[in-house]
PDB file of N, CA and C in Angstrom:
ATOM      1  N   UNK A   1     173.713  86.825 169.332  1.00  0.00           N
ATOM      2  CA  UNK A   1     172.699  86.407 168.397  1.00  0.00           C
ATOM      3  C   UNK A   1     172.624  87.437 167.277  1.00  0.00           C
ATOM      4  N   UNK A   2     172.756  87.005 166.023  1.00  0.00           N
ATOM      5  CA  UNK A   2     172.761  87.913 164.894  1.00  0.00           C
ATOM      6  C   UNK A   2     171.408  88.025 164.226  1.00  0.00           C
ATOM      7  N   UNK A   3     171.310  88.982 163.342  1.00  0.00           N
ATOM      8  CA  UNK A   3     170.116  89.178 162.536  1.00  0.00           C
ATOM      9  C   UNK A   3     170.251  88.289 161.314  1.00  0.00           C
ATOM     10  N   UNK A   4     169.249  87.560 160.960  1.00  0.00           N
ATOM     11  CA  UNK A   4     169.310  86.654 159.801  1.00  0.00           C
ATOM     12  C   UNK A   4     168.650  87.327 158.609  1.00  0.00           C
ATOM     13  N   UNK A   5     169.408  87.475 157.509  1.00  0.00           N
ATOM     14  CA  UNK A   5     168.858  88.023 156.282  1.00  0.00           C
ATOM     15  C   UNK A   5     168.336  86.878 155.433  1.00  0.00           C
ATOM     16  N   UNK A   6     167.096  86.941 155.012  1.00  0.00           N
ATOM     17  CA  UNK A   6     166.494  85.851 154.257  1.00  0.00           C
ATOM     18  C   UNK A   6     166.764  85.970 152.764  1.00  0.00           C
ATOM     19  N   UNK A   7     166.942  87.180 152.277  1.00  0.00           N
ATOM     20  CA  UNK A   7     167.165  87.410 150.864  1.00  0.00           C
ATOM     21  C   UNK A   7     168.626  87.149 150.516  1.00  0.00           C
ATOM     22  N   UNK A   8     168.868  86.363 149.470  1.00  0.00           N
ATOM     23  CA  UNK A   8     170.238  86.124 149.032  1.00  0.00           C
ATOM     24  C   UNK A   8     170.713  87.343 148.261  1.00  0.00           C
ATOM     25  N   UNK A   9     171.960  87.723 148.493  1.00  0.00           N
ATOM     26  CA  UNK A   9     172.515  88.904 147.837  1.00  0.00           C
ATOM     27  C   UNK A   9     173.754  88.522 147.041  1.00  0.00           C
ATOM     28  N   UNK A  10     174.022  89.304 146.017  1.00  0.00           N
ATOM     29  CA  UNK A  10     175.268  89.171 145.270  1.00  0.00           C
ATOM     30  C   UNK A  10     176.285  90.077 145.929  1.00  0.00           C
ATOM     31  N   UNK A  11     177.435  89.533 146.246  1.00  0.00           N
ATOM     32  CA  UNK A  11     178.474  90.320 146.895  1.00  0.00           C
ATOM     33  C   UNK A  11     179.507  90.711 145.854  1.00  0.00           C
ATOM     34  N   UNK A  12     179.744  92.004 145.733  1.00  0.00           N
ATOM     35  CA  UNK A  12     180.718  92.533 144.788  1.00  0.00           C
ATOM     36  C   UNK A  12     181.877  93.098 145.597  1.00  0.00           C
ATOM     37  N   UNK A  13     183.066  92.571 145.363  1.00  0.00           N
ATOM     38  CA  UNK A  13     184.259  93.062 146.049  1.00  0.00           C
ATOM     39  C   UNK A  13     184.888  94.156 145.192  1.00  0.00           C
ATOM     40  N   UNK A  14     184.842  95.379 145.681  1.00  0.00           N
ATOM     41  CA  UNK A  14     185.384  96.519 144.943  1.00  0.00           C
ATOM     42  C   UNK A  14     186.905  96.515 145.001  1.00  0.00           C
ATOM     43  N   UNK A  15     187.527  97.344 144.150  1.00  0.00           N
ATOM     44  CA  UNK A  15     188.993  97.482 144.191  1.00  0.00           C
ATOM     45  C   UNK A  15     189.443  97.942 145.566  1.00  0.00           C
ATOM     46  N   UNK A  16     188.685  98.830 146.153  1.00  0.00           N
ATOM     47  CA  UNK A  16     189.015  99.323 147.496  1.00  0.00           C
ATOM     48  C   UNK A  16     189.016  98.180 148.509  1.00  0.00           C
ATOM     49  N   UNK A  17     188.026  97.298 148.429  1.00  0.00           N
ATOM     50  CA  UNK A  17     187.960  96.201 149.398  1.00  0.00           C
ATOM     51  C   UNK A  17     189.114  95.222 149.221  1.00  0.00           C
ATOM     52  N   UNK A  18     189.478  94.938 147.972  1.00  0.00           N
ATOM     53  CA  UNK A  18     190.599  94.020 147.716  1.00  0.00           C
ATOM     54  C   UNK A  18     191.882  94.644 148.264  1.00  0.00           C
ATOM     55  N   UNK A  19     192.043  95.944 148.046  1.00  0.00           N
ATOM     56  CA  UNK A  19     193.207  96.661 148.578  1.00  0.00           C
ATOM     57  C   UNK A  19     193.206  96.602 150.104  1.00  0.00           C
ATOM     58  N   UNK A  20     192.042  96.755 150.706  1.00  0.00           N
ATOM     59  CA  UNK A  20     191.922  96.707 152.161  1.00  0.00           C
ATOM     60  C   UNK A  20     192.319  95.328 152.702  1.00  0.00           C
ATOM     61  N   UNK A  21     191.920  94.249 152.014  1.00  0.00           N
ATOM     62  CA  UNK A  21     192.345  92.905 152.404  1.00  0.00           C
ATOM     63  C   UNK A  21     193.871  92.836 152.452  1.00  0.00           C
ATOM     64  N   UNK A  22     194.525  93.383 151.414  1.00  0.00           N
ATOM     65  CA  UNK A  22     195.988  93.350 151.325  1.00  0.00           C
ATOM     66  C   UNK A  22     196.650  94.163 152.441  1.00  0.00           C
ATOM     67  N   UNK A  23     196.124  95.361 152.693  1.00  0.00           N
ATOM     68  CA  UNK A  23     196.680  96.223 153.741  1.00  0.00           C
ATOM     69  C   UNK A  23     196.542  95.555 155.108  1.00  0.00           C
ATOM     70  N   UNK A  24     195.377  95.018 155.397  1.00  0.00           N
ATOM     71  CA  UNK A  24     195.169  94.360 156.682  1.00  0.00           C
ATOM     72  C   UNK A  24     196.113  93.164 156.852  1.00  0.00           C
ATOM     73  N   UNK A  25     196.291  92.389 155.784  1.00  0.00           N
ATOM     74  CA  UNK A  25     197.187  91.231 155.844  1.00  0.00           C
ATOM     75  C   UNK A  25     198.625  91.671 156.131  1.00  0.00           C
ATOM     76  N   UNK A  26     199.060  92.768 155.533  1.00  0.00           N
ATOM     77  CA  UNK A  26     200.415  93.292 155.773  1.00  0.00           C
ATOM     78  C   UNK A  26     200.604  93.688 157.235  1.00  0.00           C
ATOM     79  N   UNK A  27     199.519  94.053 157.895  1.00  0.00           N
ATOM     80  CA  UNK A  27     199.570  94.443 159.309  1.00  0.00           C
ATOM     81  C   UNK A  27     199.267  93.267 160.236  1.00  0.00           C
ATOM     82  N   UNK A  28     199.240  92.051 159.660  1.00  0.00           N
ATOM     83  CA  UNK A  28     199.050  90.857 160.472  1.00  0.00           C
ATOM     84  C   UNK A  28     197.614  90.535 160.827  1.00  0.00           C
ATOM     85  N   UNK A  29     196.668  91.166 160.148  1.00  0.00           N
ATOM     86  CA  UNK A  29     195.257  90.899 160.415  1.00  0.00           C
ATOM     87  C   UNK A  29     194.593  90.461 159.119  1.00  0.00           C
ATOM     88  N   UNK A  30     194.423  89.173 158.967  1.00  0.00           N
ATOM     89  CA  UNK A  30     193.809  88.648 157.743  1.00  0.00           C
ATOM     90  C   UNK A  30     192.311  88.490 157.949  1.00  0.00           C
ATOM     91  N   UNK A  31     191.576  88.858 156.920  1.00  0.00           N
ATOM     92  CA  UNK A  31     190.136  88.657 156.916  1.00  0.00           C
ATOM     93  C   UNK A  31     189.787  87.903 155.635  1.00  0.00           C
ATOM     94  N   UNK A  32     188.844  87.003 155.710  1.00  0.00           N
ATOM     95  CA  UNK A  32     188.496  86.178 154.553  1.00  0.00           C
ATOM     96  C   UNK A  32     187.181  86.624 153.926  1.00  0.00           C
ATOM     97  N   UNK A  33     186.996  86.220 152.690  1.00  0.00           N
ATOM     98  CA  UNK A  33     185.722  86.493 152.026  1.00  0.00           C
ATOM     99  C   UNK A  33     184.585  85.754 152.730  1.00  0.00           C
ATOM    100  N   UNK A  34     184.902  84.607 153.325  1.00  0.00           N
ATOM    101  CA  UNK A  34     183.889  83.864 154.074  1.00  0.00           C
ATOM    102  C   UNK A  34     183.394  84.677 155.273  1.00  0.00           C
ATOM    103  N   UNK A  35     184.314  85.411 155.933  1.00  0.00           N
ATOM    104  CA  UNK A  35     183.913  86.264 157.058  1.00  0.00           C
ATOM    105  C   UNK A  35     183.013  87.392 156.570  1.00  0.00           C
ATOM    106  N   UNK A  36     183.330  87.933 155.403  1.00  0.00           N
ATOM    107  CA  UNK A  36     182.491  88.991 154.822  1.00  0.00           C
ATOM    108  C   UNK A  36     181.099  88.433 154.518  1.00  0.00           C
ATOM    109  N   UNK A  37     181.068  87.276 153.874  1.00  0.00           N
ATOM    110  CA  UNK A  37     179.785  86.675 153.507  1.00  0.00           C
ATOM    111  C   UNK A  37     178.959  86.335 154.744  1.00  0.00           C
ATOM    112  N   UNK A  38     179.612  85.855 155.795  1.00  0.00           N
ATOM    113  CA  UNK A  38     178.917  85.569 157.049  1.00  0.00           C
ATOM    114  C   UNK A  38     178.341  86.847 157.659  1.00  0.00           C
ATOM    115  N   UNK A  39     179.101  87.932 157.560  1.00  0.00           N
ATOM    116  CA  UNK A  39     178.630  89.225 158.074  1.00  0.00           C
ATOM    117  C   UNK A  39     177.371  89.667 157.350  1.00  0.00           C
ATOM    118  N   UNK A  40     177.350  89.482 156.032  1.00  0.00           N
ATOM    119  CA  UNK A  40     176.189  89.888 155.241  1.00  0.00           C
ATOM    120  C   UNK A  40     174.983  88.995 155.530  1.00  0.00           C
ATOM    121  N   UNK A  41     175.220  87.699 155.635  1.00  0.00           N
ATOM    122  CA  UNK A  41     174.114  86.769 155.834  1.00  0.00           C
ATOM    123  C   UNK A  41     173.592  86.750 157.272  1.00  0.00           C
ATOM    124  N   UNK A  42     174.490  86.963 158.244  1.00  0.00           N
ATOM    125  CA  UNK A  42     174.088  86.917 159.653  1.00  0.00           C
ATOM    126  C   UNK A  42     174.747  88.046 160.446  1.00  0.00           C
ATOM    127  N   UNK A  43     174.388  89.293 160.152  1.00  0.00           N
ATOM    128  CA  UNK A  43     175.013  90.409 160.870  1.00  0.00           C
ATOM    129  C   UNK A  43     174.580  90.450 162.338  1.00  0.00           C
ATOM    130  N   UNK A  44     175.465  90.981 163.180  1.00  0.00           N
ATOM    131  CA  UNK A  44     175.101  91.225 164.576  1.00  0.00           C
ATOM    132  C   UNK A  44     174.186  92.441 164.665  1.00  0.00           C
ATOM    133  N   UNK A  45     174.394  93.363 163.722  1.00  0.00           N
ATOM    134  CA  UNK A  45     173.654  94.628 163.772  1.00  0.00           C
ATOM    135  C   UNK A  45     173.460  95.150 162.352  1.00  0.00           C
ATOM    136  N   UNK A  46     172.297  95.724 162.085  1.00  0.00           N
ATOM    137  CA  UNK A  46     172.025  96.417 160.823  1.00  0.00           C
ATOM    138  C   UNK A  46     171.780  97.880 161.131  1.00  0.00           C
ATOM    139  N   UNK A  47     172.418  98.753 160.353  1.00  0.00           N
ATOM    140  CA  UNK A  47     172.271 100.198 160.558  1.00  0.00           C
ATOM    141  C   UNK A  47     171.998 100.853 159.204  1.00  0.00           C
ATOM    142  N   UNK A  48     171.651 102.122 159.233  1.00  0.00           N
ATOM    143  CA  UNK A  48     171.455 102.894 158.013  1.00  0.00           C
ATOM    144  C   UNK A  48     172.418 104.079 158.069  1.00  0.00           C
ATOM    145  N   UNK A  49     173.172 104.282 156.967  1.00  0.00           N
ATOM    146  CA  UNK A  49     174.127 105.394 156.905  1.00  0.00           C
ATOM    147  C   UNK A  49     173.387 106.716 156.697  1.00  0.00           C
ATOM    148  N   UNK A  50     174.139 107.800 156.757  1.00  0.00           N
ATOM    149  CA  UNK A  50     173.548 109.125 156.560  1.00  0.00           C
ATOM    150  C   UNK A  50     172.933 109.292 155.177  1.00  0.00           C
ATOM    151  N   UNK A  51     173.454 108.553 154.189  1.00  0.00           N
ATOM    152  CA  UNK A  51     172.929 108.669 152.829  1.00  0.00           C
ATOM    153  C   UNK A  51     171.934 107.554 152.491  1.00  0.00           C
ATOM    154  N   UNK A  52     171.500 106.790 153.514  1.00  0.00           N
ATOM    155  CA  UNK A  52     170.458 105.804 153.324  1.00  0.00           C
ATOM    156  C   UNK A  52     170.905 104.411 152.926  1.00  0.00           C
ATOM    157  N   UNK A  53     172.202 104.138 152.955  1.00  0.00           N
ATOM    158  CA  UNK A  53     172.685 102.796 152.637  1.00  0.00           C
ATOM    159  C   UNK A  53     172.637 101.915 153.876  1.00  0.00           C
ATOM    160  N   UNK A  54     172.298 100.653 153.679  1.00  0.00           N
ATOM    161  CA  UNK A  54     172.286  99.701 154.786  1.00  0.00           C
ATOM    162  C   UNK A  54     173.708  99.265 155.111  1.00  0.00           C
ATOM    163  N   UNK A  55     173.992  99.122 156.392  1.00  0.00           N
ATOM    164  CA  UNK A  55     175.304  98.680 156.850  1.00  0.00           C
ATOM    165  C   UNK A  55     175.110  97.442 157.719  1.00  0.00           C
ATOM    166  N   UNK A  56     175.729  96.336 157.298  1.00  0.00           N
ATOM    167  CA  UNK A  56     175.731  95.109 158.089  1.00  0.00           C
ATOM    168  C   UNK A  56     177.029  95.084 158.892  1.00  0.00           C
ATOM    169  N   UNK A  57     176.933  94.753 160.165  1.00  0.00           N
ATOM    170  CA  UNK A  57     178.103  94.781 161.041  1.00  0.00           C
ATOM    171  C   UNK A  57     178.167  93.505 161.867  1.00  0.00           C
ATOM    172  N   UNK A  58     179.390  92.970 162.038  1.00  0.00           N
ATOM    173  CA  UNK A  58     179.571  91.761 162.842  1.00  0.00           C
ATOM    174  C   UNK A  58     180.934  91.800 163.526  1.00  0.00           C
ATOM    175  N   UNK A  59     180.950  91.474 164.811  1.00  0.00           N
ATOM    176  CA  UNK A  59     182.205  91.404 165.561  1.00  0.00           C
ATOM    177  C   UNK A  59     182.935  90.118 165.200  1.00  0.00           C
ATOM    178  N   UNK A  60     184.276  90.232 165.021  1.00  0.00           N
ATOM    179  CA  UNK A  60     185.067  89.019 164.794  1.00  0.00           C
ATOM    180  C   UNK A  60     185.858  88.652 166.033  1.00  0.00           C
ATOM    181  N   UNK A  61     186.090  89.614 166.889  1.00  0.00           N
ATOM    182  CA  UNK A  61     186.679  89.367 168.205  1.00  0.00           C
ATOM    183  C   UNK A  61     186.346  90.574 169.075  1.00  0.00           C
ATOM    184  N   UNK A  62     186.978  90.679 170.236  1.00  0.00           N
ATOM    185  CA  UNK A  62     186.623  91.760 171.169  1.00  0.00           C
ATOM    186  C   UNK A  62     186.986  93.158 170.667  1.00  0.00           C
ATOM    187  N   UNK A  63     187.948  93.245 169.742  1.00  0.00           N
ATOM    188  CA  UNK A  63     188.396  94.568 169.297  1.00  0.00           C
ATOM    189  C   UNK A  63     188.222  94.829 167.804  1.00  0.00           C
ATOM    190  N   UNK A  64     187.705  93.867 167.037  1.00  0.00           N
ATOM    191  CA  UNK A  64     187.565  94.047 165.595  1.00  0.00           C
ATOM    192  C   UNK A  64     186.160  93.686 165.126  1.00  0.00           C
ATOM    193  N   UNK A  65     185.696  94.442 164.122  1.00  0.00           N
ATOM    194  CA  UNK A  65     184.417  94.111 163.515  1.00  0.00           C
ATOM    195  C   UNK A  65     184.493  94.311 162.019  1.00  0.00           C
ATOM    196  N   UNK A  66     183.562  93.695 161.320  1.00  0.00           N
ATOM    197  CA  UNK A  66     183.466  93.783 159.870  1.00  0.00           C
ATOM    198  C   UNK A  66     182.200  94.548 159.550  1.00  0.00           C
ATOM    199  N   UNK A  67     182.295  95.457 158.561  1.00  0.00           N
ATOM    200  CA  UNK A  67     181.120  96.186 158.101  1.00  0.00           C
ATOM    201  C   UNK A  67     180.988  96.005 156.597  1.00  0.00           C
ATOM    202  N   UNK A  68     179.767  95.870 156.148  1.00  0.00           N
ATOM    203  CA  UNK A  68     179.488  95.784 154.717  1.00  0.00           C
ATOM    204  C   UNK A  68     178.432  96.799 154.353  1.00  0.00           C
ATOM    205  N   UNK A  69     178.604  97.464 153.230  1.00  0.00           N
ATOM    206  CA  UNK A  69     177.656  98.488 152.784  1.00  0.00           C
ATOM    207  C   UNK A  69     176.793  97.965 151.658  1.00  0.00           C
ATOM    208  N   UNK A  70     175.524  98.287 151.705  1.00  0.00           N
ATOM    209  CA  UNK A  70     174.621  97.948 150.613  1.00  0.00           C
ATOM    210  C   UNK A  70     174.441  99.189 149.770  1.00  0.00           C
ATOM    211  N   UNK A  71     174.845  99.090 148.503  1.00  0.00           N
ATOM    212  CA  UNK A  71     174.777 100.231 147.595  1.00  0.00           C
ATOM    213  C   UNK A  71     173.387 100.445 147.043  1.00  0.00           C
ATOM    214  N   UNK A  72     173.302 101.304 146.050  1.00  0.00           N
ATOM    215  CA  UNK A  72     172.029 101.617 145.421  1.00  0.00           C
ATOM    216  C   UNK A  72     171.452 100.419 144.668  1.00  0.00           C
ATOM    217  N   UNK A  73     172.337  99.567 144.138  1.00  0.00           N
ATOM    218  CA  UNK A  73     171.884  98.353 143.478  1.00  0.00           C
ATOM    219  C   UNK A  73     171.642  97.279 144.534  1.00  0.00           C
ATOM    220  N   UNK A  74     170.862  96.261 144.225  1.00  0.00           N
ATOM    221  CA  UNK A  74     170.607  95.207 145.216  1.00  0.00           C
ATOM    222  C   UNK A  74     171.813  94.281 145.358  1.00  0.00           C
ATOM    223  N   UNK A  75     172.957  94.836 145.756  1.00  0.00           N
ATOM    224  CA  UNK A  75     174.196  94.090 145.943  1.00  0.00           C
ATOM    225  C   UNK A  75     174.880  94.615 147.188  1.00  0.00           C
ATOM    226  N   UNK A  76     175.687  93.776 147.791  1.00  0.00           N
ATOM    227  CA  UNK A  76     176.504  94.208 148.918  1.00  0.00           C
ATOM    228  C   UNK A  76     177.903  94.467 148.389  1.00  0.00           C
ATOM    229  N   UNK A  77     178.481  95.603 148.705  1.00  0.00           N
ATOM    230  CA  UNK A  77     179.816  95.950 148.243  1.00  0.00           C
ATOM    231  C   UNK A  77     180.749  96.115 149.418  1.00  0.00           C
ATOM    232  N   UNK A  78     181.994  95.653 149.263  1.00  0.00           N
ATOM    233  CA  UNK A  78     183.002  95.773 150.305  1.00  0.00           C
ATOM    234  C   UNK A  78     184.243  96.381 149.761  1.00  0.00           C
TER     235      UNK A  78
END
């Protein structure tokens, strides 16, 4: 059962995140933007980083999970 976020957020995919999509795909592990958006909207767990940023986390299988960071602006960045 995940945590439901009621506030709609704008998701900004950084250059790092796009590069990460490519690297993961080269290693045979593809992740979609839909999985990222699902993680943000219905995370399994919400945490706070050492610098105060919110982290949304969701398992995609038994050994992999997706994390999204909320930056200083009211946006989620990956």
